[in-house]
C-alpha atoms as a PDB file:
ATOM      1  CA  MET A   1     245.627 -17.026  26.912  1.00  0.00           C
ATOM      2  CA  LYS A   2     247.925 -17.906  24.068  1.00  0.00           C
ATOM      3  CA  LEU A   3     248.183 -20.480  21.303  1.00  0.00           C
ATOM      4  CA  THR A   4     251.761 -21.378  20.435  1.00  0.00           C
ATOM      5  CA  LEU A   5     253.223 -23.362  17.560  1.00  0.00           C
ATOM      6  CA  LEU A   6     256.768 -24.622  18.134  1.00  0.00           C
ATOM      7  CA  HIS A   7     258.751 -25.983  15.194  1.00  0.00           C
ATOM      8  CA  LEU A   8     255.559 -27.313  13.617  1.00  0.00           C
ATOM      9  CA  GLN A   9     255.908 -29.671  10.669  1.00  0.00           C
ATOM     10  CA  ALA A  10     253.066 -31.209   8.680  1.00  0.00           C
ATOM     11  CA  PHE A  11     253.170 -34.122   6.256  1.00  0.00           C
ATOM     12  CA  VAL A  12     250.794 -35.688   3.759  1.00  0.00           C
ATOM     13  CA  SER A  13     251.961 -39.298   3.456  1.00  0.00           C
ATOM     14  CA  ASP A  14     255.728 -38.851   3.101  1.00  0.00           C
ATOM     15  CA  LYS A  15     255.561 -35.362   1.607  1.00  0.00           C
ATOM     16  CA  GLN A  16     256.410 -32.518   3.961  1.00  0.00           C
ATOM     17  CA  ILE A  17     254.212 -29.420   3.463  1.00  0.00           C
ATOM     18  CA  ILE A  18     254.917 -27.314   6.572  1.00  0.00           C
ATOM     19  CA  HIS A  19     258.543 -26.798   7.650  1.00  0.00           C
ATOM     20  CA  ASN A  20     259.470 -25.734  11.181  1.00  0.00           C
ATOM     21  CA  VAL A  21     256.781 -23.048  11.711  1.00  0.00           C
ATOM     22  CA  SER A  22     256.797 -21.228  15.052  1.00  0.00           C
ATOM     23  CA  LEU A  23     254.471 -18.428  16.140  1.00  0.00           C
ATOM     24  CA  THR A  24     252.465 -17.310  19.175  1.00  0.00           C
ATOM     25  CA  LEU A  25     248.905 -15.994  18.985  1.00  0.00           C
ATOM     26  CA  GLN A  26     247.694 -14.089  22.049  1.00  0.00           C
ATOM     27  CA  SER A  27     244.084 -13.503  23.072  1.00  0.00           C
ATOM     28  CA  GLY A  28     242.644 -10.470  21.304  1.00  0.00           C
ATOM     29  CA  GLU A  29     245.293 -10.436  18.569  1.00  0.00           C
ATOM     30  CA  ILE A  30     244.761 -10.778  14.831  1.00  0.00           C
ATOM     31  CA  HIS A  31     247.502 -12.587  12.931  1.00  0.00           C
ATOM     32  CA  ALA A  32     247.363 -12.873   9.146  1.00  0.00           C
ATOM     33  CA  VAL A  33     249.209 -15.667   7.366  1.00  0.00           C
ATOM     34  CA  MET A  34     249.696 -14.688   3.736  1.00  0.00           C
ATOM     35  CA  GLY A  35     251.313 -16.512   0.875  1.00  0.00           C
ATOM     36  CA  PRO A  36     250.944 -17.525  -2.765  1.00  0.00           C
ATOM     37  CA  ASN A  37     248.773 -20.440  -3.847  1.00  0.00           C
ATOM     38  CA  GLY A  38     250.265 -23.781  -2.864  1.00  0.00           C
ATOM     39  CA  SER A  39     252.418 -22.364  -0.086  1.00  0.00           C
ATOM     40  CA  GLY A  40     250.859 -24.536   2.639  1.00  0.00           C
ATOM     41  CA  LYS A  41     248.476 -22.041   4.246  1.00  0.00           C
ATOM     42  CA  SER A  42     245.455 -24.351   4.369  1.00  0.00           C
ATOM     43  CA  THR A  43     247.654 -27.241   5.485  1.00  0.00           C
ATOM     44  CA  LEU A  44     248.750 -25.118   8.443  1.00  0.00           C
ATOM     45  CA  ALA A  45     245.107 -24.549   9.383  1.00  0.00           C
ATOM     46  CA  TYR A  46     244.225 -28.239   9.042  1.00  0.00           C
ATOM     47  CA  ALA A  47     247.247 -29.237  11.119  1.00  0.00           C
ATOM     48  CA  LEU A  48     246.089 -26.887  13.866  1.00  0.00           C
ATOM     49  CA  MET A  49     242.716 -28.657  13.930  1.00  0.00           C
ATOM     50  CA  ALA A  50     244.114 -32.217  13.770  1.00  0.00           C
ATOM     51  CA  HIS A  51     242.802 -33.117  10.324  1.00  0.00           C
ATOM     52  CA  PRO A  52     243.347 -36.881   9.976  1.00  0.00           C
ATOM     53  CA  SER A  53     244.987 -36.558   6.546  1.00  0.00           C
ATOM     54  CA  TYR A  54     247.987 -34.767   8.042  1.00  0.00           C
ATOM     55  CA  ARG A  55     250.799 -36.105  10.212  1.00  0.00           C
ATOM     56  CA  VAL A  56     252.301 -33.496  12.531  1.00  0.00           C
ATOM     57  CA  LYS A  57     255.609 -33.062  14.313  1.00  0.00           C
ATOM     58  CA  GLY A  58     256.585 -30.277  16.694  1.00  0.00           C
ATOM     59  CA  LYS A  59     254.352 -28.866  19.411  1.00  0.00           C
ATOM     60  CA  ILE A  60     251.000 -27.092  19.633  1.00  0.00           C
ATOM     61  CA  ILE A  61     250.524 -25.499  23.041  1.00  0.00           C
ATOM     62  CA  LEU A  62     247.304 -23.925  24.300  1.00  0.00           C
ATOM     63  CA  ASN A  63     247.761 -21.822  27.419  1.00  0.00           C
ATOM     64  CA  ASN A  64     250.773 -23.868  28.615  1.00  0.00           C
ATOM     65  CA  LYS A  65     249.045 -27.206  27.865  1.00  0.00           C
ATOM     66  CA  GLU A  66     250.439 -29.233  24.980  1.00  0.00           C
ATOM     67  CA  ILE A  67     247.587 -30.379  22.724  1.00  0.00           C
ATOM     68  CA  THR A  68     249.604 -31.814  19.829  1.00  0.00           C
ATOM     69  CA  LYS A  69     248.099 -35.287  20.295  1.00  0.00           C
ATOM     70  CA  TYR A  70     244.545 -34.055  20.919  1.00  0.00           C
ATOM     71  CA  SER A  71     241.741 -34.900  18.498  1.00  0.00           C
ATOM     72  CA  THR A  72     239.771 -32.279  16.583  1.00  0.00           C
ATOM     73  CA  GLU A  73     236.901 -32.633  19.061  1.00  0.00           C
ATOM     74  CA  GLU A  74     239.203 -32.206  22.051  1.00  0.00           C
ATOM     75  CA  ARG A  75     240.742 -29.075  20.534  1.00  0.00           C
ATOM     76  CA  ALA A  76     237.301 -27.636  19.816  1.00  0.00           C
ATOM     77  CA  LYS A  77     236.232 -28.251  23.423  1.00  0.00           C
ATOM     78  CA  ARG A  78     239.315 -26.395  24.596  1.00  0.00           C
ATOM     79  CA  GLY A  79     238.267 -23.383  22.545  1.00  0.00           C
ATOM     80  CA  ILE A  80     239.776 -23.642  19.049  1.00  0.00           C
ATOM     81  CA  PHE A  81     237.441 -22.975  16.126  1.00  0.00           C
ATOM     82  CA  MET A  82     238.109 -23.230  12.401  1.00  0.00           C
ATOM     83  CA  ALA A  83     236.068 -21.728   9.559  1.00  0.00           C
ATOM     84  CA  LEU A  84     236.507 -23.793   6.418  1.00  0.00           C
ATOM     85  CA  GLN A  85     237.511 -22.407   3.046  1.00  0.00           C
ATOM     86  CA  SER A  86     234.871 -24.554   1.311  1.00  0.00           C
ATOM     87  CA  PRO A  87     232.144 -25.466   3.829  1.00  0.00           C
ATOM     88  CA  ILE A  88     230.114 -28.532   2.896  1.00  0.00           C
ATOM     89  CA  ALA A  89     226.321 -28.762   2.786  1.00  0.00           C
ATOM     90  CA  ILE A  90     224.536 -30.995   5.308  1.00  0.00           C
ATOM     91  CA  PRO A  91     220.905 -31.347   4.167  1.00  0.00           C
ATOM     92  CA  GLY A  92     218.496 -32.258   6.951  1.00  0.00           C
ATOM     93  CA  VAL A  93     220.562 -30.726   9.754  1.00  0.00           C
ATOM     94  CA  THR A  94     219.394 -27.184  10.372  1.00  0.00           C
ATOM     95  CA  VAL A  95     221.659 -24.304  11.271  1.00  0.00           C
ATOM     96  CA  ILE A  96     219.879 -23.719  14.570  1.00  0.00           C
ATOM     97  CA  ASN A  97     220.117 -27.379  15.588  1.00  0.00           C
ATOM     98  CA  LEU A  98     223.810 -27.536  14.752  1.00  0.00           C
ATOM     99  CA  LEU A  99     224.603 -24.411  16.746  1.00  0.00           C
ATOM    100  CA  ARG A 100     222.367 -25.349  19.661  1.00  0.00           C
ATOM    101  CA  THR A 101     223.951 -28.787  19.967  1.00  0.00           C
ATOM    102  CA  SER A 102     227.489 -27.487  19.441  1.00  0.00           C
ATOM    103  CA  TYR A 103     227.054 -24.742  22.016  1.00  0.00           C
ATOM    104  CA  GLN A 104     225.920 -27.225  24.640  1.00  0.00           C
ATOM    105  CA  GLU A 105     228.831 -29.553  23.896  1.00  0.00           C
ATOM    106  CA  LEU A 106     231.287 -26.684  24.296  1.00  0.00           C
ATOM    107  CA  HIS A 107     229.676 -24.790  27.165  1.00  0.00           C
ATOM    108  CA  GLY A 108     227.244 -27.275  28.645  1.00  0.00           C
ATOM    109  CA  SER A 109     226.673 -28.682  32.096  1.00  0.00           C
ATOM    110  CA  THR A 110     224.646 -31.859  32.515  1.00  0.00           C
ATOM    111  CA  SER A 111     223.449 -30.611  35.896  1.00  0.00           C
ATOM    112  CA  SER A 112     221.744 -27.503  34.487  1.00  0.00           C
ATOM    113  CA  PRO A 113     217.967 -27.395  34.975  1.00  0.00           C
ATOM    114  CA  GLN A 114     215.689 -27.496  31.968  1.00  0.00           C
ATOM    115  CA  VAL A 115     214.661 -24.037  30.833  1.00  0.00           C
ATOM    116  CA  GLN A 116     211.718 -23.474  28.522  1.00  0.00           C
ATOM    117  CA  ASN A 117     212.184 -21.203  25.551  1.00  0.00           C
ATOM    118  CA  LYS A 118     210.068 -18.057  25.746  1.00  0.00           C
ATOM    119  CA  ARG A 119     209.970 -17.674  21.967  1.00  0.00           C
ATOM    120  CA  PRO A 120     208.469 -20.457  19.837  1.00  0.00           C
ATOM    121  CA  ILE A 121     210.831 -22.523  17.685  1.00  0.00           C
ATOM    122  CA  GLN A 122     209.521 -24.569  14.790  1.00  0.00           C
ATOM    123  CA  ASN A 123     211.721 -27.648  15.236  1.00  0.00           C
ATOM    124  CA  PRO A 124     210.551 -30.095  17.936  1.00  0.00           C
ATOM    125  CA  LEU A 125     214.158 -31.204  18.553  1.00  0.00           C
ATOM    126  CA  LEU A 126     214.665 -27.922  20.412  1.00  0.00           C
ATOM    127  CA  SER A 127     212.365 -29.052  23.200  1.00  0.00           C
ATOM    128  CA  ARG A 128     215.047 -31.447  24.504  1.00  0.00           C
ATOM    129  CA  ARG A 129     216.797 -30.718  27.787  1.00  0.00           C
ATOM    130  CA  TRP A 130     219.004 -27.627  27.689  1.00  0.00           C
ATOM    131  CA  LYS A 131     222.270 -28.163  29.527  1.00  0.00           C
ATOM    132  CA  ALA A 132     224.337 -24.992  29.039  1.00  0.00           C
ATOM    133  CA  ALA A 133     225.149 -23.574  32.456  1.00  0.00           C
ATOM    134  CA  LYS A 134     225.533 -19.839  31.925  1.00  0.00           C
ATOM    135  CA  ILE A 135     222.704 -19.041  29.526  1.00  0.00           C
ATOM    136  CA  THR A 136     219.101 -20.129  29.117  1.00  0.00           C
ATOM    137  CA  LEU A 137     217.756 -21.601  25.899  1.00  0.00           C
ATOM    138  CA  SER A 138     215.734 -18.436  25.365  1.00  0.00           C
ATOM    139  CA  GLU A 139     218.817 -16.255  25.794  1.00  0.00           C
ATOM    140  CA  PHE A 140     220.834 -18.476  23.461  1.00  0.00           C
ATOM    141  CA  THR A 141     218.165 -18.303  20.759  1.00  0.00           C
ATOM    142  CA  ASP A 142     217.844 -14.533  21.082  1.00  0.00           C
ATOM    143  CA  THR A 143     221.633 -14.143  20.876  1.00  0.00           C
ATOM    144  CA  LEU A 144     221.780 -16.353  17.787  1.00  0.00           C
ATOM    145  CA  ARG A 145     219.113 -14.259  16.094  1.00  0.00           C
ATOM    146  CA  ASP A 146     220.950 -11.057  17.032  1.00  0.00           C
ATOM    147  CA  HIS A 147     224.188 -12.357  15.500  1.00  0.00           C
ATOM    148  CA  ALA A 148     222.343 -13.391  12.345  1.00  0.00           C
ATOM    149  CA  LYS A 149     220.799  -9.946  12.047  1.00  0.00           C
ATOM    150  CA  ALA A 150     224.194  -8.256  12.504  1.00  0.00           C
ATOM    151  CA  LEU A 151     225.612 -10.425   9.710  1.00  0.00           C
ATOM    152  CA  HIS A 152     222.652  -9.649   7.421  1.00  0.00           C
ATOM    153  CA  ILE A 153     221.471 -13.271   7.497  1.00  0.00           C
ATOM    154  CA  ASP A 154     217.730 -13.672   7.106  1.00  0.00           C
ATOM    155  CA  GLU A 155     216.243 -15.512  10.098  1.00  0.00           C
ATOM    156  CA  SER A 156     214.701 -18.091   7.767  1.00  0.00           C
ATOM    157  CA  PHE A 157     218.208 -19.428   7.064  1.00  0.00           C
ATOM    158  CA  LEU A 158     218.417 -20.670  10.658  1.00  0.00           C
ATOM    159  CA  SER A 159     215.771 -23.311   9.908  1.00  0.00           C
ATOM    160  CA  ARG A 160     217.385 -24.454   6.653  1.00  0.00           C
ATOM    161  CA  GLY A 161     219.846 -27.307   6.171  1.00  0.00           C
ATOM    162  CA  ILE A 162     223.425 -26.254   6.776  1.00  0.00           C
ATOM    163  CA  ASN A 163     224.753 -24.614   3.600  1.00  0.00           C
ATOM    164  CA  ASP A 164     222.102 -26.473   1.588  1.00  0.00           C
ATOM    165  CA  GLY A 165     221.628 -24.352  -1.525  1.00  0.00           C
ATOM    166  CA  PHE A 166     223.577 -21.457  -0.027  1.00  0.00           C
ATOM    167  CA  SER A 167     225.687 -19.171  -2.198  1.00  0.00           C
ATOM    168  CA  GLY A 168     229.419 -18.848  -1.576  1.00  0.00           C
ATOM    169  CA  GLY A 169     228.928 -15.612   0.343  1.00  0.00           C
ATOM    170  CA  GLU A 170     226.112 -17.096   2.433  1.00  0.00           C
ATOM    171  CA  LYS A 171     228.321 -20.041   3.379  1.00  0.00           C
ATOM    172  CA  LYS A 172     231.072 -17.709   4.569  1.00  0.00           C
ATOM    173  CA  LYS A 173     228.570 -15.710   6.616  1.00  0.00           C
ATOM    174  CA  MET A 174     227.389 -18.964   8.176  1.00  0.00           C
ATOM    175  CA  GLU A 175     230.947 -19.778   9.200  1.00  0.00           C
ATOM    176  CA  MET A 176     231.143 -16.368  10.853  1.00  0.00           C
ATOM    177  CA  LEU A 177     227.774 -16.936  12.551  1.00  0.00           C
ATOM    178  CA  GLN A 178     229.138 -20.158  14.030  1.00  0.00           C
ATOM    179  CA  ALA A 179     232.234 -18.385  15.361  1.00  0.00           C
ATOM    180  CA  LEU A 180     230.219 -15.591  16.983  1.00  0.00           C
ATOM    181  CA  THR A 181     227.715 -18.006  18.504  1.00  0.00           C
ATOM    182  CA  LEU A 182     230.103 -20.677  19.801  1.00  0.00           C
ATOM    183  CA  GLN A 183     232.438 -18.174  21.503  1.00  0.00           C
ATOM    184  CA  PRO A 184     235.829 -19.831  20.930  1.00  0.00           C
ATOM    185  CA  LYS A 185     239.045 -18.699  22.554  1.00  0.00           C
ATOM    186  CA  PHE A 186     240.923 -18.865  19.242  1.00  0.00           C
ATOM    187  CA  ALA A 187     239.478 -18.792  15.719  1.00  0.00           C
ATOM    188  CA  ILE A 188     241.147 -19.822  12.461  1.00  0.00           C
ATOM    189  CA  PHE A 189     239.669 -18.432   9.245  1.00  0.00           C
ATOM    190  CA  ASP A 190     240.894 -20.257   6.158  1.00  0.00           C
ATOM    191  CA  GLU A 191     240.445 -17.879   3.197  1.00  0.00           C
ATOM    192  CA  ILE A 192     237.191 -16.520   4.601  1.00  0.00           C
ATOM    193  CA  ASP A 193     237.400 -13.700   2.030  1.00  0.00           C
ATOM    194  CA  THR A 194     237.422 -15.914  -1.088  1.00  0.00           C
ATOM    195  CA  GLY A 195     234.526 -15.190  -3.440  1.00  0.00           C
ATOM    196  CA  LEU A 196     232.965 -12.426  -1.355  1.00  0.00           C
ATOM    197  CA  ASP A 197     231.608  -9.203  -2.795  1.00  0.00           C
ATOM    198  CA  VAL A 198     232.448  -5.923  -1.068  1.00  0.00           C
ATOM    199  CA  ASP A 199     229.342  -5.880   1.135  1.00  0.00           C
ATOM    200  CA  ALA A 200     229.861  -9.460   2.316  1.00  0.00           C
ATOM    201  CA  LEU A 201     233.548  -8.744   2.881  1.00  0.00           C
ATOM    202  CA  LYS A 202     232.673  -5.833   5.162  1.00  0.00           C
ATOM    203  CA  THR A 203     230.184  -8.014   7.032  1.00  0.00           C
ATOM    204  CA  VAL A 204     232.768 -10.741   7.626  1.00  0.00           C
ATOM    205  CA  ALA A 205     235.314  -8.134   8.741  1.00  0.00           C
ATOM    206  CA  TYR A 206     232.724  -6.811  11.213  1.00  0.00           C
ATOM    207  CA  GLY A 207     232.362 -10.318  12.631  1.00  0.00           C
ATOM    208  CA  ILE A 208     236.105 -10.733  13.056  1.00  0.00           C
ATOM    209  CA  GLU A 209     236.389  -7.342  14.765  1.00  0.00           C
ATOM    210  CA  SER A 210     233.561  -8.368  17.105  1.00  0.00           C
ATOM    211  CA  LEU A 211     235.462 -11.511  18.056  1.00  0.00           C
ATOM    212  CA  LYS A 212     238.658  -9.534  18.633  1.00  0.00           C
ATOM    213  CA  LYS A 213     236.824  -7.146  20.977  1.00  0.00           C
ATOM    214  CA  LYS A 214     235.683 -10.159  22.999  1.00  0.00           C
ATOM    215  CA  GLY A 215     239.291 -11.281  23.418  1.00  0.00           C
ATOM    216  CA  VAL A 216     239.342 -14.025  20.793  1.00  0.00           C
ATOM    217  CA  GLY A 217     242.723 -14.677  19.221  1.00  0.00           C
ATOM    218  CA  ILE A 218     242.316 -14.767  15.427  1.00  0.00           C
ATOM    219  CA  LEU A 219     244.385 -16.366  12.694  1.00  0.00           C
ATOM    220  CA  ILE A 220     243.393 -15.267   9.178  1.00  0.00           C
ATOM    221  CA  ILE A 221     244.780 -17.278   6.286  1.00  0.00           C
ATOM    222  CA  THR A 222     244.669 -15.534   2.924  1.00  0.00           C
ATOM    223  CA  HIS A 223     246.715 -14.955  -0.205  1.00  0.00           C
ATOM    224  CA  TYR A 224     245.738 -11.352  -0.822  1.00  0.00           C
ATOM    225  CA  GLN A 225     244.981  -8.218   1.144  1.00  0.00           C
ATOM    226  CA  ARG A 226     241.278  -7.750   0.369  1.00  0.00           C
ATOM    227  CA  ILE A 227     239.940  -8.428   3.857  1.00  0.00           C
ATOM    228  CA  LEU A 228     242.894  -6.669   5.471  1.00  0.00           C
ATOM    229  CA  LYS A 229     241.647  -3.403   3.979  1.00  0.00           C
ATOM    230  CA  TYR A 230     238.836  -3.614   6.540  1.00  0.00           C
ATOM    231  CA  LEU A 231     240.873  -5.137   9.394  1.00  0.00           C
ATOM    232  CA  LYS A 232     244.197  -4.155  10.895  1.00  0.00           C
ATOM    233  CA  PRO A 233     246.171  -7.266  11.838  1.00  0.00           C
ATOM    234  CA  ASP A 234     248.570  -7.063  14.749  1.00  0.00           C
ATOM    235  CA  TYR A 235     251.032  -9.265  12.886  1.00  0.00           C
ATOM    236  CA  VAL A 236     251.464 -10.506   9.318  1.00  0.00           C
ATOM    237  CA  HIS A 237     253.409 -13.663   8.470  1.00  0.00           C
ATOM    238  CA  VAL A 238     254.505 -14.568   4.956  1.00  0.00           C
ATOM    239  CA  LEU A 239     254.396 -18.308   4.272  1.00  0.00           C
ATOM    240  CA  VAL A 240     256.254 -19.585   1.210  1.00  0.00           C
ATOM    241  CA  ASP A 241     256.967 -23.257   0.484  1.00  0.00           C
ATOM    242  CA  GLY A 242     255.724 -24.173   3.949  1.00  0.00           C
ATOM    243  CA  LYS A 243     258.072 -21.813   5.782  1.00  0.00           C
ATOM    244  CA  ILE A 244     257.477 -18.436   7.446  1.00  0.00           C
ATOM    245  CA  VAL A 245     259.993 -16.306   5.591  1.00  0.00           C
ATOM    246  CA  LYS A 246     258.963 -12.897   6.954  1.00  0.00           C
ATOM    247  CA  SER A 247     256.910 -11.505   9.849  1.00  0.00           C
ATOM    248  CA  GLY A 248     255.940  -7.914  10.552  1.00  0.00           C
ATOM    249  CA  LYS A 249     253.179  -5.464  11.289  1.00  0.00           C
ATOM    250  CA  ALA A 250     250.177  -4.545   9.124  1.00  0.00           C
ATOM    251  CA  VAL A 251     252.341  -2.540   6.725  1.00  0.00           C
ATOM    252  CA  LEU A 252     253.848  -5.808   5.511  1.00  0.00           C
ATOM    253  CA  ALA A 253     250.482  -6.769   3.974  1.00  0.00           C
ATOM    254  CA  GLU A 254     250.423  -3.464   2.088  1.00  0.00           C
ATOM    255  CA  LYS A 255     253.923  -4.126   0.778  1.00  0.00           C
ATOM    256  CA  ILE A 256     252.863  -7.563  -0.474  1.00  0.00           C
ATOM    257  CA  GLU A 257     249.831  -6.022  -2.170  1.00  0.00           C
ATOM    258  CA  SER A 258     252.018  -3.644  -4.147  1.00  0.00           C
ATOM    259  CA  GLU A 259     255.065  -5.849  -4.762  1.00  0.00           C
ATOM    260  CA  GLY A 260     253.748  -9.427  -4.706  1.00  0.00           C
ATOM    261  CA  TYR A 261     255.516 -12.489  -3.338  1.00  0.00           C
ATOM    262  CA  ASP A 262     258.476 -12.701  -5.714  1.00  0.00           C
ATOM    263  CA  ALA A 263     260.855 -11.135  -3.213  1.00  0.00           C
ATOM    264  CA  TYR A 264     260.075 -13.902  -0.698  1.00  0.00           C
ATOM    265  CA  ARG A 265     260.275 -16.955  -2.969  1.00  0.00           C
END
């Protein structure tokens, strides 16, 4: 599969932020979009996920199907996931309930028989009918716990409100947990490395590598090379003033690290 942007433009009110951006992201590839602060990187991510604050021109094509007019929900159901730079807290909605419900919406089948969970879950909401076709509720719960363990997330966090009282690093790990659990076809990570210590950075990089091995196409948006020390992108794109001014291989990120963005302004 591939996700293609053709001459994409993005506007906030009458102000144009993204200018004529074109790129193609294939399954199993990692693309890094780098640029200085205020260059339009986050706007590019929001435009890809149909944020209502942005007006878009050009085309977004997913596996030969144009999705430019699709809503955020429709894009998510077709396999596009976005990890937010600053995830919000949702007290009262637990991590496990969010992921269970989201997984069923993305991978569910209303004709699936009810399957009882073999391992006890504290929340009574989890006794509702399970409708995902290719996995039982027990298997889903076990997989979720395995992903949490791999990301060094204590299992108790799964029963807590989403990001409620979480540190910055814990929030970013939760975004990665969502990506691993929901199994998207393409994942956008908007500055997933911001505010992470070295251990958390390595953990997030592990998660991205795991997605790549499963064939997920990955777009990493960042303004420095920290996370790219633990990942090797297939392509690096330099975004300045809303335009891609340079594209290349992983060595381009190293050049930016040593020389900065002045040469591209």
